[in-house]
Amino acid sequence: MITYSFADIGSDSLYIHLYKCIKNDILQGILQAGEKLPSKRSLAKNLNISVITIENAYAQLIAEGYVYSIPKKGFFVADIKSLHKKEEPILSTENVQLSSGKSNYLADFTSNQTSSEHFPFSIWAKLTRELLTHNQSELLTNPPCGGILPLREAIAKHLKDFRNMTVSPEQIIIGAGTEYLYGLLIQLLGFDKHYAVEDPGYNKISQIYESHCILCDFVSMDSSGVNISDLEKQNIDIIHISPSHHFPTGTVMPISRRYELLGWAAKSDMRYIIEDDYDSEYRLSGQPIPTLQSIDIQEKVIYMNTFTKTLASTVRISYMVLPKHLVNTFYSKLYFYSCTVSNFEQYILARFISEGYFEKHINRMRNYYHSKRDLILHTIENSPLAAYATISEENAGLHFLLKLKTNLSDKEFLQRMEHSGIKLSSLSQYYQVPPAAVEHIFIINYSFVAEENIEKAIQMIYRALF
């Protein structure tokens, strides 16, 4: 007869203590599979506790699969081999690094993070305090599907002032990141459509389309942007482009190609252009490039932008501007979605824009990045690397291209850089089938590189060439 002590059971009830004792004996093999357990009455008498306590303990063991019962025969120990704890997967260093969000590099020329010293914390805190004091009711009122009206009004005015776009607040849809908005667009435009992205292009876009199990292909580019003949040849319905500053090549689509692209879209009711204007605020030389949306009279352009570049990568607020004829369709089909950005963040950003803080912040950051870019270019020009380097596409956005003279393959060079504490990406990585002409061209995204590390980083790049 099995016997257990009930002298020190802590906070457990009697039946829980008994359940744990029997379970432990089963796990340790003291009670073997198929072994018959004492009847409820005999075990209750042996342990000097109630039959109800035994019933409850046995019931818990049966519920968890450690014990089974056979009518009129009794209770038996189950075979628990299948219940043994599964071996935990080992997370790779890469996965841990991805989850932590931290970087151990001397210089990371691939990151779009923002340094904390440049975020307008004092203004953000001031607006937060004022809203918490005077706008408590609005903060706790559920927003419309497309976002709160004050934020959409502020964005509409900003687009008019800085991008010469005439849009109504109703056309603007707010979402927590462009990835979320792409998912809404797919539902709005249809899973049966033929989507396409630029080749080369930002890899995440094609990954998002792929994750939604839709047909997505790659369209080649020439020196003016996406190839129209390739769009026609592949029977594309919806093309995603970044005409004002293409990533990664830095190409700016000329006006002739823009009108050609709008002409392509106008040939079918199913065709649309998704214009990603992700870093247009940071054109460092000349006037901002007009958006494709601003010259679209056929309502074929869906404009998208984000505040992750201008404020911080952790401020997950993005928006899209729908053509007027798609607005009612959006709300009739997708009205049940809740806005994914909290009221707190929306109201703060609305005031940050409408009270002029956003404009001042952009001007300040533009000056900062202009100086930082010039520092990198000056450092390269006055180093031994200058004899082996050619720089291009440095006048827009926060990255430029660096072509290097080296006998190493792109893969070998990137590995050397990695070992030296420098993280780089090559242009060839963004092509489906990279042409020979793009070999030895590297993307220098300088937004997150500390100024004090720039000179050493350039030295390390030079040393890795040979």
Protein backbone atom coordinates (compact mmCIF):
# COMPACT_ATOMS: atom_id res chain seq x y z
CA MET A 1 0.00 0.00 0.00
CA ILE A 2 1.38 3.43 -1.00
CA THR A 3 1.89 5.80 1.90
CA TYR A 4 2.55 9.54 2.03
CA SER A 5 3.12 12.03 4.81
CA PHE A 6 0.73 14.94 5.26
CA ALA A 7 2.73 16.59 8.04
CA ASP A 8 4.07 19.49 5.95
CA ILE A 9 1.98 20.28 2.90
CA GLY A 10 2.44 24.06 2.88
CA SER A 11 -0.46 25.95 1.32
CA ASP A 12 -1.65 22.95 -0.73
CA SER A 13 -4.99 21.34 0.00
CA LEU A 14 -4.95 17.66 0.98
CA TYR A 15 -6.03 16.40 -2.44
CA ILE A 16 -3.48 18.58 -4.29
CA HIS A 17 -0.69 17.29 -2.03
CA LEU A 18 -1.77 13.70 -2.66
CA TYR A 19 -2.06 14.33 -6.41
CA LYS A 20 1.50 15.73 -6.47
CA CYS A 21 2.89 12.77 -4.50
CA ILE A 22 1.34 10.17 -6.83
CA LYS A 23 2.30 12.16 -9.91
CA ASN A 24 5.91 12.41 -8.73
CA ASP A 25 6.09 8.65 -8.11
CA ILE A 26 4.77 8.02 -11.64
CA LEU A 27 7.29 10.40 -13.21
CA GLN A 28 10.17 8.83 -11.29
CA GLY A 29 9.10 5.30 -12.25
CA ILE A 30 8.27 4.22 -8.68
CA LEU A 31 4.77 3.53 -9.91
CA GLN A 32 5.04 1.63 -13.21
CA ALA A 33 2.79 1.83 -16.27
CA GLY A 34 -0.17 -0.55 -15.89
CA GLU A 35 0.26 -0.85 -12.12
CA LYS A 36 -3.02 -0.86 -10.23
CA LEU A 37 -3.55 1.86 -7.64
CA PRO A 38 -5.31 1.21 -4.30
CA SER A 39 -9.07 1.63 -4.26
CA LYS A 40 -10.38 4.93 -2.99
CA ARG A 41 -11.69 3.46 0.27
CA SER A 42 -8.61 1.42 1.10
CA LEU A 43 -6.23 4.32 0.36
CA ALA A 44 -8.41 6.71 2.40
CA LYS A 45 -8.29 4.31 5.34
CA ASN A 46 -4.52 3.82 5.02
CA LEU A 47 -3.77 7.55 4.86
CA ASN A 48 -6.46 8.46 7.41
CA ILE A 49 -8.10 11.01 5.09
CA SER A 50 -11.55 11.23 3.46
CA VAL A 51 -12.66 9.30 0.40
CA ILE A 52 -13.59 12.64 -1.24
CA THR A 53 -9.92 13.72 -1.00
CA ILE A 54 -8.85 10.50 -2.77
CA GLU A 55 -11.56 10.96 -5.43
CA ASN A 56 -10.41 14.52 -6.16
CA ALA A 57 -6.73 13.50 -6.39
CA TYR A 58 -7.51 10.58 -8.72
CA ALA A 59 -9.77 12.81 -10.85
CA GLN A 60 -6.95 15.31 -11.37
CA LEU A 61 -4.51 12.55 -12.28
CA ILE A 62 -7.02 11.11 -14.79
CA ALA A 63 -7.66 14.56 -16.28
CA GLU A 64 -3.94 15.04 -16.91
CA GLY A 65 -3.42 11.56 -18.32
CA TYR A 66 -1.27 10.07 -15.55
CA VAL A 67 -3.94 7.59 -14.48
CA TYR A 68 -6.83 5.84 -16.22
CA SER A 69 -9.80 3.89 -14.81
CA ILE A 70 -11.48 0.69 -15.90
CA PRO A 71 -15.10 0.25 -14.68
CA LYS A 72 -15.43 -2.32 -11.90
CA LYS A 73 -11.66 -3.01 -12.00
CA GLY A 74 -10.09 0.12 -10.57
CA PHE A 75 -7.44 2.77 -11.30
CA PHE A 76 -4.20 2.12 -13.21
CA VAL A 77 -1.00 4.01 -13.97
CA ALA A 78 -0.89 5.25 -17.57
CA ASP A 79 2.04 4.90 -19.97
CA ILE A 80 3.50 8.41 -19.86
CA LYS A 81 6.33 8.04 -22.39
CA SER A 82 4.44 10.34 -24.78
CA LEU A 83 4.06 12.90 -22.00
CA HIS A 84 7.79 13.40 -21.47
CA LYS A 85 8.86 17.00 -21.83
CA LYS A 86 9.82 17.98 -25.35
CA GLU A 87 13.35 19.14 -25.91
CA GLU A 88 13.44 22.92 -26.04
CA PRO A 89 14.80 24.35 -29.31
CA ILE A 90 18.08 26.21 -29.00
CA LEU A 91 17.84 29.80 -30.15
CA SER A 92 20.65 30.89 -32.41
CA THR A 93 22.72 33.95 -31.60
CA GLU A 94 21.16 35.61 -34.61
CA ASN A 95 17.64 35.06 -33.30
CA VAL A 96 18.56 36.35 -29.86
CA GLN A 97 20.10 39.43 -31.44
CA LEU A 98 16.97 39.99 -33.48
CA SER A 99 14.77 39.77 -30.42
CA SER A 100 16.93 42.08 -28.32
CA GLY A 101 17.13 44.83 -30.93
CA LYS A 102 20.66 45.69 -29.79
CA SER A 103 23.72 46.09 -31.98
CA ASN A 104 27.29 45.22 -31.05
CA TYR A 105 28.82 46.69 -34.21
CA LEU A 106 31.33 49.52 -34.30
CA ALA A 107 29.29 50.85 -37.23
CA ASP A 108 26.02 49.46 -38.56
CA PHE A 109 25.44 50.83 -42.05
CA THR A 110 22.21 48.84 -42.44
CA SER A 111 20.19 50.14 -39.49
CA ASN A 112 17.45 52.78 -39.69
CA GLN A 113 17.26 53.31 -35.93
CA THR A 114 17.25 56.83 -34.50
CA SER A 115 19.62 57.98 -31.80
CA SER A 116 17.75 58.89 -28.59
CA GLU A 117 19.54 62.25 -28.40
CA HIS A 118 17.69 63.43 -31.52
CA PHE A 119 14.14 62.51 -30.51
CA PRO A 120 12.10 65.54 -29.29
CA PHE A 121 11.44 64.07 -25.85
CA SER A 122 10.80 67.39 -24.10
CA ILE A 123 8.12 68.47 -26.60
CA TRP A 124 6.61 64.97 -26.63
CA ALA A 125 6.44 64.97 -22.82
CA LYS A 126 4.88 68.48 -22.76
CA LEU A 127 2.15 67.47 -25.20
CA THR A 128 1.54 64.24 -23.29
CA ARG A 129 1.03 66.09 -20.00
CA GLU A 130 -1.35 68.59 -21.59
CA LEU A 131 -3.41 65.86 -23.24
CA LEU A 132 -3.61 63.80 -20.05
CA THR A 133 -4.84 66.89 -18.21
CA HIS A 134 -7.29 68.41 -20.69
CA ASN A 135 -8.31 65.65 -23.13
CA GLN A 136 -9.08 62.66 -20.93
CA SER A 137 -12.44 61.95 -22.56
CA GLU A 138 -11.03 61.95 -26.11
CA LEU A 139 -8.13 59.71 -25.10
CA LEU A 140 -10.54 57.03 -23.91
CA THR A 141 -12.97 57.26 -26.84
CA ASN A 142 -12.55 54.51 -29.43
CA PRO A 143 -11.15 55.99 -32.67
CA PRO A 144 -12.68 55.40 -36.12
CA CYS A 145 -11.27 52.60 -38.25
CA GLY A 146 -9.15 55.06 -40.23
CA GLY A 147 -7.77 56.94 -37.22
CA ILE A 148 -8.77 60.08 -35.29
CA LEU A 149 -9.86 63.06 -37.36
CA PRO A 150 -7.38 65.60 -35.85
CA LEU A 151 -4.41 63.47 -36.93
CA ARG A 152 -5.78 62.91 -40.43
CA GLU A 153 -6.46 66.65 -40.74
CA ALA A 154 -2.92 67.45 -39.61
CA ILE A 155 -1.43 64.98 -42.10
CA ALA A 156 -3.59 66.34 -44.93
CA LYS A 157 -2.36 69.89 -44.23
CA HIS A 158 1.24 68.69 -43.99
CA LEU A 159 0.96 66.93 -47.34
CA LYS A 160 -0.45 70.07 -48.92
CA ASP A 161 2.26 72.33 -47.47
CA PHE A 162 5.26 70.08 -48.11
CA ARG A 163 4.30 67.70 -50.93
CA ASN A 164 1.73 69.81 -52.84
CA MET A 165 -0.85 67.05 -52.44
CA THR A 166 -4.51 68.01 -52.20
CA VAL A 167 -6.22 65.26 -50.22
CA SER A 168 -9.14 65.16 -47.79
CA PRO A 169 -8.75 63.72 -44.27
CA GLU A 170 -11.26 61.00 -45.21
CA GLN A 171 -8.78 59.60 -47.76
CA ILE A 172 -6.14 59.04 -45.07
CA ILE A 173 -5.95 55.72 -43.18
CA ILE A 174 -3.74 55.47 -40.10
CA GLY A 175 -2.05 52.20 -39.12
CA ALA A 176 0.70 50.81 -36.89
CA GLY A 177 3.40 50.48 -39.54
CA THR A 178 3.27 50.09 -43.29
CA GLU A 179 3.35 46.29 -42.94
CA TYR A 180 -0.14 46.40 -41.41
CA LEU A 181 -1.39 48.80 -44.08
CA TYR A 182 -0.13 46.52 -46.87
CA GLY A 183 -2.26 43.76 -45.37
CA LEU A 184 -5.31 46.02 -45.51
CA LEU A 185 -4.54 46.98 -49.11
CA ILE A 186 -4.39 43.36 -50.19
CA GLN A 187 -7.85 42.79 -48.69
CA LEU A 188 -9.13 45.98 -50.30
CA LEU A 189 -7.74 45.41 -53.80
CA GLY A 190 -8.16 41.65 -53.85
CA PHE A 191 -6.22 38.44 -53.28
CA ASP A 192 -6.84 37.51 -56.92
CA LYS A 193 -4.80 40.41 -58.31
CA HIS A 194 -1.28 40.09 -59.73
CA TYR A 195 1.06 42.15 -57.53
CA ALA A 196 4.65 43.14 -58.27
CA VAL A 197 7.63 44.80 -56.64
CA GLU A 198 10.76 46.37 -58.09
CA ASP A 199 13.88 44.30 -58.79
CA PRO A 200 16.01 45.30 -56.99
CA GLY A 201 13.82 46.43 -54.12
CA TYR A 202 13.13 46.44 -50.40
CA ASN A 203 12.92 42.74 -49.55
CA LYS A 204 10.32 43.09 -46.81
CA ILE A 205 7.61 44.17 -49.27
CA SER A 206 7.76 40.95 -51.26
CA GLN A 207 7.90 38.97 -48.00
CA ILE A 208 4.67 40.63 -46.84
CA TYR A 209 2.93 39.80 -50.11
CA GLU A 210 4.26 36.24 -49.96
CA SER A 211 2.97 35.80 -46.40
CA HIS A 212 -0.53 36.68 -47.64
CA CYS A 213 -0.30 33.90 -50.27
CA ILE A 214 -0.90 36.19 -53.24
CA LEU A 215 0.72 36.16 -56.66
CA CYS A 216 3.68 38.53 -56.52
CA ASP A 217 6.43 38.88 -59.11
CA PHE A 218 9.47 41.09 -59.64
CA VAL A 219 9.69 43.78 -62.33
CA SER A 220 13.05 44.86 -63.67
CA MET A 221 14.36 48.42 -63.51
CA ASP A 222 16.43 50.60 -65.80
CA SER A 223 18.11 53.93 -65.10
CA SER A 224 14.73 55.71 -65.02
CA GLY A 225 12.93 53.30 -62.72
CA VAL A 226 10.51 50.42 -63.13
CA ASN A 227 10.40 48.95 -66.65
CA ILE A 228 6.96 49.54 -68.24
CA SER A 229 7.39 46.86 -70.91
CA ASP A 230 8.08 44.32 -68.16
CA LEU A 231 4.85 45.37 -66.40
CA GLU A 232 2.90 44.73 -69.59
CA LYS A 233 4.69 41.49 -70.36
CA GLN A 234 3.93 40.01 -66.94
CA ASN A 235 0.30 41.26 -66.87
CA ILE A 236 0.79 43.04 -63.57
CA ASP A 237 -2.24 44.61 -61.84
CA ILE A 238 -0.62 46.38 -58.89
CA ILE A 239 2.96 47.62 -58.70
CA HIS A 240 4.75 48.84 -55.58
CA ILE A 241 7.36 51.54 -56.26
CA SER A 242 9.44 54.21 -54.48
CA PRO A 243 9.85 56.80 -57.27
CA SER A 244 11.17 59.77 -55.25
CA HIS A 245 14.11 57.84 -53.83
CA HIS A 246 14.32 54.20 -54.79
CA PHE A 247 15.74 51.75 -52.30
CA PRO A 248 18.41 50.50 -52.68
CA THR A 249 19.67 52.12 -55.91
CA GLY A 250 18.78 55.70 -54.99
CA THR A 251 17.23 56.26 -58.43
CA VAL A 252 14.84 59.23 -58.79
CA MET A 253 12.17 58.51 -61.39
CA PRO A 254 12.08 61.29 -64.05
CA ILE A 255 8.82 62.96 -64.97
CA SER A 256 8.66 61.23 -68.35
CA ARG A 257 8.66 57.77 -66.75
CA ARG A 258 6.10 58.89 -64.19
CA TYR A 259 3.60 59.87 -66.86
CA GLU A 260 4.39 56.67 -68.74
CA LEU A 261 3.64 54.69 -65.57
CA LEU A 262 0.37 56.56 -64.97
CA GLY A 263 -0.57 55.81 -68.57
CA TRP A 264 0.04 52.12 -67.96
CA ALA A 265 -2.23 52.18 -64.88
CA ALA A 266 -5.02 54.01 -66.71
CA LYS A 267 -5.41 51.17 -69.23
CA SER A 268 -7.32 48.94 -66.79
CA ASP A 269 -9.72 49.44 -63.87
CA MET A 270 -7.81 46.76 -61.95
CA ARG A 271 -4.43 48.51 -62.15
CA TYR A 272 -3.05 50.57 -59.28
CA ILE A 273 0.31 52.03 -58.25
CA ILE A 274 1.40 51.93 -54.61
CA GLU A 275 3.74 54.89 -54.13
CA ASP A 276 6.07 54.45 -51.15
CA ASP A 277 7.41 57.89 -50.19
CA TYR A 278 9.34 56.54 -47.20
CA ASP A 279 12.10 59.17 -46.79
CA SER A 280 11.10 62.09 -49.02
CA GLU A 281 11.59 64.59 -46.17
CA TYR A 282 15.33 64.02 -46.29
CA ARG A 283 16.25 65.22 -49.76
CA LEU A 284 19.52 67.00 -48.91
CA SER A 285 20.07 68.93 -52.15
CA GLY A 286 17.61 70.78 -54.36
CA GLN A 287 13.83 70.86 -54.08
CA PRO A 288 11.73 67.87 -52.95
CA ILE A 289 10.69 65.62 -55.84
CA PRO A 290 6.90 65.93 -56.53
CA THR A 291 4.91 62.83 -55.69
CA LEU A 292 3.34 60.61 -58.31
CA GLN A 293 0.04 61.08 -56.50
CA SER A 294 0.13 64.86 -57.03
CA ILE A 295 0.07 64.46 -60.84
CA ASP A 296 -2.40 61.57 -60.92
CA ILE A 297 -5.73 62.65 -62.42
CA GLN A 298 -7.08 59.12 -62.95
CA GLU A 299 -7.01 58.17 -59.24
CA LYS A 300 -4.61 55.30 -59.78
CA VAL A 301 -2.05 56.04 -57.06
CA ILE A 302 -2.19 54.85 -53.44
CA TYR A 303 0.27 56.97 -51.49
CA MET A 304 2.06 55.57 -48.42
CA ASN A 305 4.37 57.16 -45.87
CA THR A 306 5.58 56.63 -42.34
CA PHE A 307 6.87 58.55 -39.35
CA THR A 308 9.51 55.92 -38.57
CA LYS A 309 12.13 57.75 -40.63
CA THR A 310 11.35 61.28 -39.44
CA LEU A 311 10.71 60.56 -35.74
CA ALA A 312 11.99 57.12 -34.72
CA SER A 313 11.88 53.55 -35.96
CA THR A 314 9.96 52.65 -32.80
CA VAL A 315 7.17 55.15 -33.51
CA ARG A 316 5.01 52.69 -35.41
CA ILE A 317 2.68 55.18 -37.06
CA SER A 318 2.18 55.09 -40.82
CA TYR A 319 -0.56 56.18 -43.17
CA MET A 320 -1.88 55.69 -46.66
CA VAL A 321 -3.86 58.03 -48.90
CA LEU A 322 -6.51 56.22 -50.90
CA PRO A 323 -7.96 57.47 -54.21
CA LYS A 324 -11.39 58.98 -53.52
CA HIS A 325 -13.28 56.22 -55.30
CA LEU A 326 -11.70 53.59 -53.00
CA VAL A 327 -12.59 55.30 -49.72
CA ASN A 328 -16.21 54.09 -49.54
CA THR A 329 -15.14 50.62 -50.66
CA PHE A 330 -12.56 50.54 -47.89
CA TYR A 331 -15.06 51.41 -45.17
CA SER A 332 -17.77 49.10 -46.51
CA LYS A 333 -15.38 46.12 -46.69
CA LEU A 334 -13.01 46.72 -43.76
CA TYR A 335 -15.03 48.84 -41.32
CA PHE A 336 -14.76 46.14 -38.62
CA TYR A 337 -11.01 46.65 -38.17
CA SER A 338 -10.02 48.77 -35.19
CA CYS A 339 -7.34 51.39 -35.69
CA THR A 340 -4.06 49.81 -34.57
CA VAL A 341 -2.51 53.02 -33.21
CA SER A 342 -3.50 54.06 -29.69
CA ASN A 343 -5.43 57.30 -29.15
CA PHE A 344 -2.62 58.57 -26.93
CA GLU A 345 -0.06 58.40 -29.74
CA GLN A 346 -2.47 59.72 -32.36
CA TYR A 347 -3.45 62.82 -30.37
CA ILE A 348 0.16 63.57 -29.44
CA LEU A 349 1.31 63.29 -33.06
CA ALA A 350 -1.66 65.36 -34.27
CA ARG A 351 -0.66 68.24 -32.03
CA PHE A 352 3.05 67.74 -32.79
CA ILE A 353 2.27 68.31 -36.47
CA SER A 354 -0.44 70.98 -36.24
CA GLU A 355 1.47 73.17 -33.77
CA GLY A 356 4.55 73.33 -36.01
CA TYR A 357 6.86 71.08 -34.01
CA PHE A 358 7.11 68.49 -36.78
CA GLU A 359 8.31 71.03 -39.33
CA LYS A 360 10.96 72.32 -36.94
CA HIS A 361 12.04 68.77 -36.14
CA ILE A 362 12.39 67.85 -39.84
CA ASN A 363 14.44 70.98 -40.55
CA ARG A 364 16.70 70.24 -37.59
CA MET A 365 17.16 66.59 -38.59
CA ARG A 366 17.74 67.50 -42.23
CA ASN A 367 20.57 69.82 -41.17
CA TYR A 368 21.97 67.14 -38.87
CA TYR A 369 21.94 64.42 -41.54
CA HIS A 370 23.35 66.84 -44.11
CA SER A 371 26.32 67.48 -41.81
CA LYS A 372 26.69 63.80 -41.04
CA ARG A 373 26.66 62.83 -44.70
CA ASP A 374 29.23 65.54 -45.47
CA LEU A 375 31.41 64.23 -42.63
CA ILE A 376 31.37 60.71 -44.09
CA LEU A 377 32.07 61.95 -47.62
CA HIS A 378 34.88 64.21 -46.38
CA THR A 379 36.38 61.36 -44.36
CA ILE A 380 36.36 59.07 -47.41
CA GLU A 381 37.82 61.75 -49.70
CA ASN A 382 40.69 62.38 -47.28
CA SER A 383 41.56 58.76 -46.62
CA PRO A 384 43.42 56.06 -48.60
CA LEU A 385 39.98 54.62 -49.45
CA ALA A 386 39.38 57.51 -51.87
CA ALA A 387 41.61 55.91 -54.51
CA TYR A 388 39.43 52.78 -54.48
CA ALA A 389 35.97 54.28 -54.03
CA THR A 390 33.27 55.88 -56.17
CA ILE A 391 30.26 57.52 -54.49
CA SER A 392 26.82 57.98 -56.08
CA GLU A 393 23.20 58.83 -55.19
CA GLU A 394 24.24 60.86 -52.14
CA ASN A 395 21.79 63.78 -52.54
CA ALA A 396 18.58 62.15 -51.31
CA GLY A 397 17.52 60.11 -48.34
CA LEU A 398 19.77 58.65 -45.68
CA HIS A 399 21.86 56.28 -47.75
CA PHE A 400 24.23 56.42 -50.71
CA LEU A 401 26.10 53.89 -52.83
CA LEU A 402 29.80 53.14 -52.44
CA LYS A 403 31.51 51.28 -55.28
CA LEU A 404 34.83 49.72 -54.29
CA LYS A 405 37.78 48.35 -56.25
CA THR A 406 38.51 44.94 -54.81
CA ASN A 407 39.18 41.41 -56.03
CA LEU A 408 37.02 39.95 -53.28
CA SER A 409 33.49 38.78 -53.95
CA ASP A 410 30.69 40.72 -52.24
CA LYS A 411 30.14 37.81 -49.88
CA GLU A 412 33.81 37.62 -48.90
CA PHE A 413 34.03 41.37 -48.38
CA LEU A 414 30.90 41.46 -46.20
CA GLN A 415 32.29 38.62 -44.09
CA ARG A 416 35.52 40.55 -43.55
CA MET A 417 33.50 43.59 -42.56
CA GLU A 418 31.45 41.52 -40.13
CA HIS A 419 34.60 40.25 -38.43
CA SER A 420 35.84 43.83 -38.18
CA GLY A 421 32.67 45.00 -36.45
CA ILE A 422 31.23 46.75 -39.50
CA LYS A 423 27.79 45.76 -40.82
CA LEU A 424 27.19 46.44 -44.51
CA SER A 425 24.83 45.27 -47.22
CA SER A 426 25.64 44.96 -50.90
CA LEU A 427 23.48 46.12 -53.77
CA SER A 428 23.62 42.62 -55.22
CA GLN A 429 21.72 41.27 -52.21
CA TYR A 430 18.56 43.08 -53.35
CA TYR A 431 18.41 41.56 -56.85
CA GLN A 432 16.70 38.31 -57.72
CA VAL A 433 19.55 37.60 -60.15
CA PRO A 434 22.24 40.25 -59.65
CA PRO A 435 23.94 41.47 -62.85
CA ALA A 436 27.73 41.64 -62.91
CA ALA A 437 27.58 45.45 -63.08
CA VAL A 438 26.34 45.75 -59.49
CA GLU A 439 29.14 43.72 -57.93
CA HIS A 440 31.30 45.61 -55.41
CA ILE A 441 28.61 48.27 -54.82
CA PHE A 442 27.65 48.69 -51.17
CA ILE A 443 24.84 50.59 -49.45
CA ILE A 444 25.92 53.15 -46.86
CA ASN A 445 22.97 53.91 -44.59
CA TYR A 446 24.45 56.41 -42.14
CA SER A 447 21.45 57.31 -39.94
CA PHE A 448 22.49 55.16 -36.95
CA VAL A 449 26.29 55.33 -37.18
CA ALA A 450 27.93 57.31 -34.35
CA GLU A 451 29.96 60.24 -35.68
CA GLU A 452 32.93 59.39 -33.46
CA ASN A 453 33.16 55.95 -35.13
CA ILE A 454 33.05 57.14 -38.74
CA GLU A 455 36.80 57.62 -39.25
CA LYS A 456 37.65 54.22 -37.79
CA ALA A 457 34.90 52.56 -39.83
CA ILE A 458 36.31 54.03 -43.07
CA GLN A 459 39.77 52.75 -42.09
CA MET A 460 38.35 49.26 -41.54
CA ILE A 461 36.62 49.31 -44.94
CA TYR A 462 39.92 50.26 -46.61
CA ARG A 463 41.88 47.51 -44.83
CA ALA A 464 39.33 44.87 -45.87
CA LEU A 465 39.83 45.55 -49.59
CA PHE A 466 43.03 43.52 -49.92
